[in-house]
Amino acid sequence: ERIRETIREVAPDVTESVKYTMPLFQYQGTYLYV
């Protein structure tokens, strides 16, 4: 949850989903799986 909050702080418009059984954060063409 802290990682998620940090991502949202630096990229407020980030979109979230789950792919490959992991959270996926997408922002301006960059993807971060956690």
PDB file of all heavy atoms in Angstrom:
ATOM      1  N   GLU A   1       0.837  -1.207   0.000  1.00  0.00           N
ATOM      2  CA  GLU A   1       0.000   0.000   0.000  1.00  0.00           C
ATOM      3  C   GLU A   1       0.867   1.250   0.000  1.00  0.00           C
ATOM      4  O   GLU A   1       0.535   2.238  -0.656  1.00  0.00           O
ATOM      5  CB  GLU A   1      -0.958  -0.012   1.198  1.00  0.00           C
ATOM      6  CG  GLU A   1      -2.049   1.015   1.097  1.00  0.00           C
ATOM      7  CD  GLU A   1      -2.942   0.866  -0.140  1.00  0.00           C
ATOM      8  OE1 GLU A   1      -3.425  -0.235  -0.426  1.00  0.00           O
ATOM      9  OE2 GLU A   1      -3.144   1.891  -0.832  1.00  0.00           O
ATOM     10  N   ARG A   2       1.977   1.226   0.694  1.00  0.00           N
ATOM     11  CA  ARG A   2       2.910   2.371   0.689  1.00  0.00           C
ATOM     12  C   ARG A   2       3.498   2.581  -0.710  1.00  0.00           C
ATOM     13  O   ARG A   2       3.646   3.711  -1.162  1.00  0.00           O
ATOM     14  CB  ARG A   2       4.044   2.153   1.700  1.00  0.00           C
ATOM     15  CG  ARG A   2       3.629   2.188   3.165  1.00  0.00           C
ATOM     16  CD  ARG A   2       3.164   3.578   3.613  1.00  0.00           C
ATOM     17  NE  ARG A   2       4.033   4.642   3.189  1.00  0.00           N
ATOM     18  CZ  ARG A   2       4.958   5.236   3.927  1.00  0.00           C
ATOM     19  NH1 ARG A   2       5.126   4.893   5.162  1.00  0.00           N
ATOM     20  NH2 ARG A   2       5.717   6.188   3.431  1.00  0.00           N
ATOM     21  N   ILE A   3       3.847   1.503  -1.387  1.00  0.00           N
ATOM     22  CA  ILE A   3       4.349   1.606  -2.761  1.00  0.00           C
ATOM     23  C   ILE A   3       3.272   2.223  -3.644  1.00  0.00           C
ATOM     24  O   ILE A   3       3.542   3.140  -4.432  1.00  0.00           O
ATOM     25  CB  ILE A   3       4.784   0.221  -3.284  1.00  0.00           C
ATOM     26  CG1 ILE A   3       6.033  -0.255  -2.537  1.00  0.00           C
ATOM     27  CG2 ILE A   3       5.015   0.260  -4.796  1.00  0.00           C
ATOM     28  CD1 ILE A   3       6.394  -1.698  -2.795  1.00  0.00           C
ATOM     29  N   ARG A   4       2.060   1.752  -3.505  1.00  0.00           N
ATOM     30  CA  ARG A   4       0.934   2.277  -4.288  1.00  0.00           C
ATOM     31  C   ARG A   4       0.732   3.762  -4.021  1.00  0.00           C
ATOM     32  O   ARG A   4       0.538   4.547  -4.948  1.00  0.00           O
ATOM     33  CB  ARG A   4      -0.311   1.483  -3.911  1.00  0.00           C
ATOM     34  CG  ARG A   4      -1.546   1.824  -4.678  1.00  0.00           C
ATOM     35  CD  ARG A   4      -2.703   1.062  -4.071  1.00  0.00           C
ATOM     36  NE  ARG A   4      -3.813   0.931  -4.981  1.00  0.00           N
ATOM     37  CZ  ARG A   4      -4.969   0.406  -4.630  1.00  0.00           C
ATOM     38  NH1 ARG A   4      -5.160  -0.070  -3.409  1.00  0.00           N
ATOM     39  NH2 ARG A   4      -5.958   0.341  -5.487  1.00  0.00           N
ATOM     40  N   GLU A   5       0.758   4.171  -2.758  1.00  0.00           N
ATOM     41  CA  GLU A   5       0.597   5.584  -2.412  1.00  0.00           C
ATOM     42  C   GLU A   5       1.712   6.438  -3.014  1.00  0.00           C
ATOM     43  O   GLU A   5       1.457   7.539  -3.516  1.00  0.00           O
ATOM     44  CB  GLU A   5       0.595   5.756  -0.890  1.00  0.00           C
ATOM     45  CG  GLU A   5      -0.640   5.219  -0.212  1.00  0.00           C
ATOM     46  CD  GLU A   5      -0.516   5.168   1.308  1.00  0.00           C
ATOM     47  OE1 GLU A   5       0.515   5.644   1.850  1.00  0.00           O
ATOM     48  OE2 GLU A   5      -1.434   4.639   1.942  1.00  0.00           O
ATOM     49  N   THR A   6       2.925   5.927  -2.980  1.00  0.00           N
ATOM     50  CA  THR A   6       4.067   6.659  -3.547  1.00  0.00           C
ATOM     51  C   THR A   6       3.886   6.845  -5.051  1.00  0.00           C
ATOM     52  O   THR A   6       4.121   7.930  -5.589  1.00  0.00           O
ATOM     53  CB  THR A   6       5.377   5.924  -3.241  1.00  0.00           C
ATOM     54  OG1 THR A   6       5.523   5.826  -1.819  1.00  0.00           O
ATOM     55  CG2 THR A   6       6.574   6.663  -3.828  1.00  0.00           C
ATOM     56  N   ILE A   7       3.461   5.793  -5.727  1.00  0.00           N
ATOM     57  CA  ILE A   7       3.217   5.878  -7.170  1.00  0.00           C
ATOM     58  C   ILE A   7       2.154   6.934  -7.454  1.00  0.00           C
ATOM     59  O   ILE A   7       2.314   7.767  -8.345  1.00  0.00           O
ATOM     60  CB  ILE A   7       2.811   4.501  -7.736  1.00  0.00           C
ATOM     61  CG1 ILE A   7       4.000   3.545  -7.690  1.00  0.00           C
ATOM     62  CG2 ILE A   7       2.262   4.638  -9.154  1.00  0.00           C
ATOM     63  CD1 ILE A   7       3.647   2.100  -7.957  1.00  0.00           C
ATOM     64  N   ARG A   8       1.080   6.926  -6.696  1.00  0.00           N
ATOM     65  CA  ARG A   8       0.001   7.897  -6.900  1.00  0.00           C
ATOM     66  C   ARG A   8       0.449   9.332  -6.601  1.00  0.00           C
ATOM     67  O   ARG A   8      -0.047  10.271  -7.211  1.00  0.00           O
ATOM     68  CB  ARG A   8      -1.199   7.543  -6.034  1.00  0.00           C
ATOM     69  CG  ARG A   8      -1.944   6.327  -6.528  1.00  0.00           C
ATOM     70  CD  ARG A   8      -3.090   6.022  -5.612  1.00  0.00           C
ATOM     71  NE  ARG A   8      -3.937   4.967  -6.148  1.00  0.00           N
ATOM     72  CZ  ARG A   8      -4.926   4.450  -5.476  1.00  0.00           C
ATOM     73  NH1 ARG A   8      -5.225   4.856  -4.265  1.00  0.00           N
ATOM     74  NH2 ARG A   8      -5.649   3.495  -6.017  1.00  0.00           N
ATOM     75  N   GLU A   9       1.357   9.506  -5.641  1.00  0.00           N
ATOM     76  CA  GLU A   9       1.857  10.851  -5.329  1.00  0.00           C
ATOM     77  C   GLU A   9       2.639  11.436  -6.496  1.00  0.00           C
ATOM     78  O   GLU A   9       2.502  12.609  -6.807  1.00  0.00           O
ATOM     79  CB  GLU A   9       2.748  10.816  -4.086  1.00  0.00           C
ATOM     80  CG  GLU A   9       1.987  10.672  -2.793  1.00  0.00           C
ATOM     81  CD  GLU A   9       2.915  10.546  -1.598  1.00  0.00           C
ATOM     82  OE1 GLU A   9       4.105  10.903  -1.692  1.00  0.00           O
ATOM     83  OE2 GLU A   9       2.436  10.067  -0.550  1.00  0.00           O
ATOM     84  N   VAL A  10       3.479  10.627  -7.129  1.00  0.00           N
ATOM     85  CA  VAL A  10       4.310  11.138  -8.218  1.00  0.00           C
ATOM     86  C   VAL A  10       3.604  11.102  -9.564  1.00  0.00           C
ATOM     87  O   VAL A  10       4.009  11.796 -10.486  1.00  0.00           O
ATOM     88  CB  VAL A  10       5.667  10.416  -8.300  1.00  0.00           C
ATOM     89  CG1 VAL A  10       6.464  10.627  -7.032  1.00  0.00           C
ATOM     90  CG2 VAL A  10       5.503   8.940  -8.593  1.00  0.00           C
ATOM     91  N   ALA A  11       2.559  10.288  -9.683  1.00  0.00           N
ATOM     92  CA  ALA A  11       1.810  10.182 -10.938  1.00  0.00           C
ATOM     93  C   ALA A  11       0.320  10.086 -10.618  1.00  0.00           C
ATOM     94  O   ALA A  11      -0.264   9.001 -10.670  1.00  0.00           O
ATOM     95  CB  ALA A  11       2.282   8.966 -11.733  1.00  0.00           C
ATOM     96  N   PRO A  12      -0.309  11.214 -10.290  1.00  0.00           N
ATOM     97  CA  PRO A  12      -1.714  11.184  -9.871  1.00  0.00           C
ATOM     98  C   PRO A  12      -2.674  10.589 -10.905  1.00  0.00           C
ATOM     99  O   PRO A  12      -3.723  10.071 -10.546  1.00  0.00           O
ATOM    100  CB  PRO A  12      -2.054  12.647  -9.611  1.00  0.00           C
ATOM    101  CG  PRO A  12      -0.766  13.370  -9.530  1.00  0.00           C
ATOM    102  CD  PRO A  12       0.248  12.550 -10.258  1.00  0.00           C
ATOM    103  N   ASP A  13      -2.326  10.651 -12.180  1.00  0.00           N
ATOM    104  CA  ASP A  13      -3.197  10.136 -13.234  1.00  0.00           C
ATOM    105  C   ASP A  13      -2.903   8.678 -13.600  1.00  0.00           C
ATOM    106  O   ASP A  13      -3.373   8.194 -14.627  1.00  0.00           O
ATOM    107  CB  ASP A  13      -3.077  11.005 -14.486  1.00  0.00           C
ATOM    108  CG  ASP A  13      -3.551  12.428 -14.242  1.00  0.00           C
ATOM    109  OD1 ASP A  13      -4.421  12.622 -13.371  1.00  0.00           O
ATOM    110  OD2 ASP A  13      -3.037  13.344 -14.903  1.00  0.00           O
ATOM    111  N   VAL A  14      -2.141   7.988 -12.780  1.00  0.00           N
ATOM    112  CA  VAL A  14      -1.791   6.596 -13.054  1.00  0.00           C
ATOM    113  C   VAL A  14      -3.057   5.747 -13.097  1.00  0.00           C
ATOM    114  O   VAL A  14      -4.023   6.008 -12.389  1.00  0.00           O
ATOM    115  CB  VAL A  14      -0.794   6.062 -11.989  1.00  0.00           C
ATOM    116  CG1 VAL A  14      -1.453   5.914 -10.630  1.00  0.00           C
ATOM    117  CG2 VAL A  14      -0.153   4.773 -12.442  1.00  0.00           C
ATOM    118  N   THR A  15      -3.063   4.753 -13.980  1.00  0.00           N
ATOM    119  CA  THR A  15      -4.162   3.795 -14.007  1.00  0.00           C
ATOM    120  C   THR A  15      -3.653   2.473 -13.448  1.00  0.00           C
ATOM    121  O   THR A  15      -2.484   2.128 -13.596  1.00  0.00           O
ATOM    122  CB  THR A  15      -4.722   3.582 -15.425  1.00  0.00           C
ATOM    123  OG1 THR A  15      -3.682   3.098 -16.269  1.00  0.00           O
ATOM    124  CG2 THR A  15      -5.294   4.868 -15.986  1.00  0.00           C
ATOM    125  N   GLU A  16      -4.552   1.753 -12.804  1.00  0.00           N
ATOM    126  CA  GLU A  16      -4.203   0.494 -12.163  1.00  0.00           C
ATOM    127  C   GLU A  16      -5.003  -0.647 -12.776  1.00  0.00           C
ATOM    128  O   GLU A  16      -6.155  -0.480 -13.133  1.00  0.00           O
ATOM    129  CB  GLU A  16      -4.551   0.527 -10.676  1.00  0.00           C
ATOM    130  CG  GLU A  16      -3.851   1.556  -9.881  1.00  0.00           C
ATOM    131  CD  GLU A  16      -4.275   1.521  -8.410  1.00  0.00           C
ATOM    132  OE1 GLU A  16      -5.269   0.840  -8.074  1.00  0.00           O
ATOM    133  OE2 GLU A  16      -3.604   2.170  -7.606  1.00  0.00           O
ATOM    134  N   SER A  17      -4.366  -1.791 -12.848  1.00  0.00           N
ATOM    135  CA  SER A  17      -5.043  -3.016 -13.237  1.00  0.00           C
ATOM    136  C   SER A  17      -4.210  -4.176 -12.696  1.00  0.00           C
ATOM    137  O   SER A  17      -3.203  -3.965 -12.035  1.00  0.00           O
ATOM    138  CB  SER A  17      -5.192  -3.106 -14.763  1.00  0.00           C
ATOM    139  OG  SER A  17      -3.929  -3.088 -15.391  1.00  0.00           O
ATOM    140  N   VAL A  18      -4.642  -5.378 -12.976  1.00  0.00           N
ATOM    141  CA  VAL A  18      -3.877  -6.561 -12.600  1.00  0.00           C
ATOM    142  C   VAL A  18      -3.636  -7.360 -13.865  1.00  0.00           C
ATOM    143  O   VAL A  18      -4.573  -7.718 -14.574  1.00  0.00           O
ATOM    144  CB  VAL A  18      -4.607  -7.405 -11.536  1.00  0.00           C
ATOM    145  CG1 VAL A  18      -3.841  -8.687 -11.255  1.00  0.00           C
ATOM    146  CG2 VAL A  18      -4.795  -6.603 -10.258  1.00  0.00           C
ATOM    147  N   LYS A  19      -2.377  -7.601 -14.165  1.00  0.00           N
ATOM    148  CA  LYS A  19      -1.973  -8.405 -15.328  1.00  0.00           C
ATOM    149  C   LYS A  19      -0.909  -9.382 -14.865  1.00  0.00           C
ATOM    150  O   LYS A  19      -0.065  -9.032 -14.025  1.00  0.00           O
ATOM    151  CB  LYS A  19      -1.389  -7.529 -16.441  1.00  0.00           C
ATOM    152  CG  LYS A  19      -2.310  -6.460 -16.947  1.00  0.00           C
ATOM    153  CD  LYS A  19      -3.338  -7.022 -17.875  1.00  0.00           C
ATOM    154  CE  LYS A  19      -4.117  -5.857 -18.465  1.00  0.00           C
ATOM    155  NZ  LYS A  19      -5.421  -6.185 -18.863  1.00  0.00           N
ATOM    156  N   TYR A  20      -0.926 -10.583 -15.407  1.00  0.00           N
ATOM    157  CA  TYR A  20       0.037 -11.614 -15.010  1.00  0.00           C
ATOM    158  C   TYR A  20       0.021 -11.812 -13.500  1.00  0.00           C
ATOM    159  O   TYR A  20       1.057 -12.031 -12.877  1.00  0.00           O
ATOM    160  CB  TYR A  20       1.448 -11.283 -15.502  1.00  0.00           C
ATOM    161  CG  TYR A  20       1.523 -11.059 -16.986  1.00  0.00           C
ATOM    162  CD1 TYR A  20       1.779  -9.799 -17.507  1.00  0.00           C
ATOM    163  CD2 TYR A  20       1.308 -12.116 -17.868  1.00  0.00           C
ATOM    164  CE1 TYR A  20       1.839  -9.586 -18.873  1.00  0.00           C
ATOM    165  CE2 TYR A  20       1.362 -11.908 -19.236  1.00  0.00           C
ATOM    166  CZ  TYR A  20       1.630 -10.647 -19.733  1.00  0.00           C
ATOM    167  OH  TYR A  20       1.692 -10.449 -21.083  1.00  0.00           O
ATOM    168  N   THR A  21      -1.142 -11.700 -12.893  1.00  0.00           N
ATOM    169  CA  THR A  21      -1.391 -11.863 -11.455  1.00  0.00           C
ATOM    170  C   THR A  21      -0.666 -10.839 -10.590  1.00  0.00           C
ATOM    171  O   THR A  21      -0.513 -11.042  -9.395  1.00  0.00           O
ATOM    172  CB  THR A  21      -1.070 -13.297 -10.949  1.00  0.00           C
ATOM    173  OG1 THR A  21       0.333 -13.513 -10.936  1.00  0.00           O
ATOM    174  CG2 THR A  21      -1.790 -14.345 -11.767  1.00  0.00           C
ATOM    175  N   MET A  22      -0.223  -9.724 -11.177  1.00  0.00           N
ATOM    176  CA  MET A  22       0.459  -8.669 -10.417  1.00  0.00           C
ATOM    177  C   MET A  22      -0.196  -7.321 -10.690  1.00  0.00           C
ATOM    178  O   MET A  22      -0.679  -7.079 -11.803  1.00  0.00           O
ATOM    179  CB  MET A  22       1.932  -8.561 -10.838  1.00  0.00           C
ATOM    180  CG  MET A  22       2.781  -9.736 -10.463  1.00  0.00           C
ATOM    181  SD  MET A  22       4.521  -9.446 -10.864  1.00  0.00           S
ATOM    182  CE  MET A  22       4.478  -9.512 -12.650  1.00  0.00           C
ATOM    183  N   PRO A  23      -0.172  -6.414  -9.716  1.00  0.00           N
ATOM    184  CA  PRO A  23      -0.626  -5.055  -9.983  1.00  0.00           C
ATOM    185  C   PRO A  23       0.216  -4.423 -11.093  1.00  0.00           C
ATOM    186  O   PRO A  23       1.432  -4.598 -11.143  1.00  0.00           O
ATOM    187  CB  PRO A  23      -0.398  -4.332  -8.657  1.00  0.00           C
ATOM    188  CG  PRO A  23      -0.496  -5.402  -7.639  1.00  0.00           C
ATOM    189  CD  PRO A  23       0.145  -6.598  -8.299  1.00  0.00           C
ATOM    190  N   LEU A  24      -0.475  -3.721 -11.968  1.00  0.00           N
ATOM    191  CA  LEU A  24       0.175  -3.009 -13.069  1.00  0.00           C
ATOM    192  C   LEU A  24      -0.239  -1.553 -12.978  1.00  0.00           C
ATOM    193  O   LEU A  24      -1.434  -1.236 -12.927  1.00  0.00           O
ATOM    194  CB  LEU A  24      -0.261  -3.588 -14.416  1.00  0.00           C
ATOM    195  CG  LEU A  24       0.129  -2.794 -15.663  1.00  0.00           C
ATOM    196  CD1 LEU A  24       1.637  -2.699 -15.803  1.00  0.00           C
ATOM    197  CD2 LEU A  24      -0.495  -3.416 -16.903  1.00  0.00           C
ATOM    198  N   PHE A  25       0.741  -0.671 -12.952  1.00  0.00           N
ATOM    199  CA  PHE A  25       0.504   0.765 -12.928  1.00  0.00           C
ATOM    200  C   PHE A  25       0.970   1.321 -14.268  1.00  0.00           C
ATOM    201  O   PHE A  25       2.111   1.091 -14.676  1.00  0.00           O
ATOM    202  CB  PHE A  25       1.275   1.421 -11.777  1.00  0.00           C
ATOM    203  CG  PHE A  25       0.855   0.894 -10.434  1.00  0.00           C
ATOM    204  CD1 PHE A  25       1.500  -0.196  -9.871  1.00  0.00           C
ATOM    205  CD2 PHE A  25      -0.199   1.471  -9.751  1.00  0.00           C
ATOM    206  CE1 PHE A  25       1.110  -0.700  -8.645  1.00  0.00           C
ATOM    207  CE2 PHE A  25      -0.602   0.978  -8.520  1.00  0.00           C
ATOM    208  CZ  PHE A  25       0.052  -0.109  -7.965  1.00  0.00           C
ATOM    209  N   GLN A  26       0.066   2.038 -14.957  1.00  0.00           N
ATOM    210  CA  GLN A  26       0.376   2.585 -16.280  1.00  0.00           C
ATOM    211  C   GLN A  26       0.312   4.101 -16.227  1.00  0.00           C
ATOM    212  O   GLN A  26      -0.659   4.674 -15.710  1.00  0.00           O
ATOM    213  CB  GLN A  26      -0.633   2.095 -17.309  1.00  0.00           C
ATOM    214  CG  GLN A  26      -0.611   0.605 -17.491  1.00  0.00           C
ATOM    215  CD  GLN A  26      -1.720   0.149 -18.405  1.00  0.00           C
ATOM    216  OE1 GLN A  26      -2.869   0.081 -17.988  1.00  0.00           O
ATOM    217  NE2 GLN A  26      -1.366  -0.160 -19.642  1.00  0.00           N
ATOM    218  N   TYR A  27       1.348   4.747 -16.792  1.00  0.00           N
ATOM    219  CA  TYR A  27       1.396   6.204 -16.817  1.00  0.00           C
ATOM    220  C   TYR A  27       2.190   6.665 -18.027  1.00  0.00           C
ATOM    221  O   TYR A  27       3.370   6.345 -18.157  1.00  0.00           O
ATOM    222  CB  TYR A  27       2.037   6.738 -15.532  1.00  0.00           C
ATOM    223  CG  TYR A  27       2.082   8.238 -15.455  1.00  0.00           C
ATOM    224  CD1 TYR A  27       0.925   8.975 -15.228  1.00  0.00           C
ATOM    225  CD2 TYR A  27       3.273   8.919 -15.621  1.00  0.00           C
ATOM    226  CE1 TYR A  27       0.955  10.347 -15.155  1.00  0.00           C
ATOM    227  CE2 TYR A  27       3.316  10.302 -15.551  1.00  0.00           C
ATOM    228  CZ  TYR A  27       2.160  11.007 -15.322  1.00  0.00           C
ATOM    229  OH  TYR A  27       2.201  12.372 -15.266  1.00  0.00           O
ATOM    230  N   GLN A  28       1.535   7.354 -18.920  1.00  0.00           N
ATOM    231  CA  GLN A  28       2.164   7.954 -20.103  1.00  0.00           C
ATOM    232  C   GLN A  28       3.062   6.974 -20.849  1.00  0.00           C
ATOM    233  O   GLN A  28       4.200   7.262 -21.182  1.00  0.00           O
ATOM    234  CB  GLN A  28       2.951   9.195 -19.704  1.00  0.00           C
ATOM    235  CG  GLN A  28       2.084  10.301 -19.161  1.00  0.00           C
ATOM    236  CD  GLN A  28       2.845  11.565 -18.820  1.00  0.00           C
ATOM    237  OE1 GLN A  28       4.079  11.602 -18.852  1.00  0.00           O
ATOM    238  NE2 GLN A  28       2.117  12.602 -18.495  1.00  0.00           N
ATOM    239  N   GLY A  29       2.568   5.786 -21.110  1.00  0.00           N
ATOM    240  CA  GLY A  29       3.307   4.805 -21.890  1.00  0.00           C
ATOM    241  C   GLY A  29       4.337   4.010 -21.118  1.00  0.00           C
ATOM    242  O   GLY A  29       5.023   3.170 -21.683  1.00  0.00           O
ATOM    243  N   THR A  30       4.481   4.279 -19.841  1.00  0.00           N
ATOM    244  CA  THR A  30       5.406   3.536 -19.003  1.00  0.00           C
ATOM    245  C   THR A  30       4.596   2.624 -18.093  1.00  0.00           C
ATOM    246  O   THR A  30       3.545   3.011 -17.595  1.00  0.00           O
ATOM    247  CB  THR A  30       6.273   4.494 -18.157  1.00  0.00           C
ATOM    248  OG1 THR A  30       7.000   5.348 -19.037  1.00  0.00           O
ATOM    249  CG2 THR A  30       7.246   3.735 -17.280  1.00  0.00           C
ATOM    250  N   TYR A  31       5.084   1.433 -17.892  1.00  0.00           N
ATOM    251  CA  TYR A  31       4.379   0.441 -17.100  1.00  0.00           C
ATOM    252  C   TYR A  31       5.262  -0.005 -15.939  1.00  0.00           C
ATOM    253  O   TYR A  31       6.469  -0.150 -16.093  1.00  0.00           O
ATOM    254  CB  TYR A  31       4.056  -0.797 -17.945  1.00  0.00           C
ATOM    255  CG  TYR A  31       3.261  -0.485 -19.180  1.00  0.00           C
ATOM    256  CD1 TYR A  31       3.883  -0.161 -20.381  1.00  0.00           C
ATOM    257  CD2 TYR A  31       1.873  -0.510 -19.142  1.00  0.00           C
ATOM    258  CE1 TYR A  31       3.143   0.125 -21.520  1.00  0.00           C
ATOM    259  CE2 TYR A  31       1.128  -0.225 -20.272  1.00  0.00           C
ATOM    260  CZ  TYR A  31       1.766   0.090 -21.452  1.00  0.00           C
ATOM    261  OH  TYR A  31       1.040   0.380 -22.572  1.00  0.00           O
ATOM    262  N   LEU A  32       4.629  -0.244 -14.798  1.00  0.00           N
ATOM    263  CA  LEU A  32       5.341  -0.782 -13.649  1.00  0.00           C
ATOM    264  C   LEU A  32       4.503  -1.903 -13.044  1.00  0.00           C
ATOM    265  O   LEU A  32       3.391  -1.657 -12.575  1.00  0.00           O
ATOM    266  CB  LEU A  32       5.607   0.297 -12.593  1.00  0.00           C
ATOM    267  CG  LEU A  32       6.279  -0.196 -11.308  1.00  0.00           C
ATOM    268  CD1 LEU A  32       7.698  -0.701 -11.602  1.00  0.00           C
ATOM    269  CD2 LEU A  32       6.308   0.897 -10.263  1.00  0.00           C
ATOM    270  N   TYR A  33       5.047  -3.101 -13.110  1.00  0.00           N
ATOM    271  CA  TYR A  33       4.441  -4.233 -12.427  1.00  0.00           C
ATOM    272  C   TYR A  33       5.048  -4.304 -11.034  1.00  0.00           C
ATOM    273  O   TYR A  33       6.247  -4.080 -10.859  1.00  0.00           O
ATOM    274  CB  TYR A  33       4.756  -5.548 -13.153  1.00  0.00           C
ATOM    275  CG  TYR A  33       4.069  -5.708 -14.478  1.00  0.00           C
ATOM    276  CD1 TYR A  33       4.666  -5.275 -15.656  1.00  0.00           C
ATOM    277  CD2 TYR A  33       2.821  -6.304 -14.547  1.00  0.00           C
ATOM    278  CE1 TYR A  33       4.032  -5.433 -16.877  1.00  0.00           C
ATOM    279  CE2 TYR A  33       2.177  -6.473 -15.766  1.00  0.00           C
ATOM    280  CZ  TYR A  33       2.796  -6.031 -16.930  1.00  0.00           C
ATOM    281  OH  TYR A  33       2.160  -6.191 -18.140  1.00  0.00           O
ATOM    282  N   VAL A  34       4.225  -4.638 -10.037  1.00  0.00           N
ATOM    283  CA  VAL A  34       4.698  -4.791  -8.668  1.00  0.00           C
ATOM    284  C   VAL A  34       4.170  -6.125  -8.162  1.00  0.00           C
ATOM    285  O   VAL A  34       2.960  -6.341  -8.131  1.00  0.00           O
ATOM    286  CB  VAL A  34       4.205  -3.643  -7.760  1.00  0.00           C
ATOM    287  CG1 VAL A  34       4.769  -3.801  -6.365  1.00  0.00           C
ATOM    288  CG2 VAL A  34       4.585  -2.283  -8.342  1.00  0.00           C
TER     289      VAL A  34
END
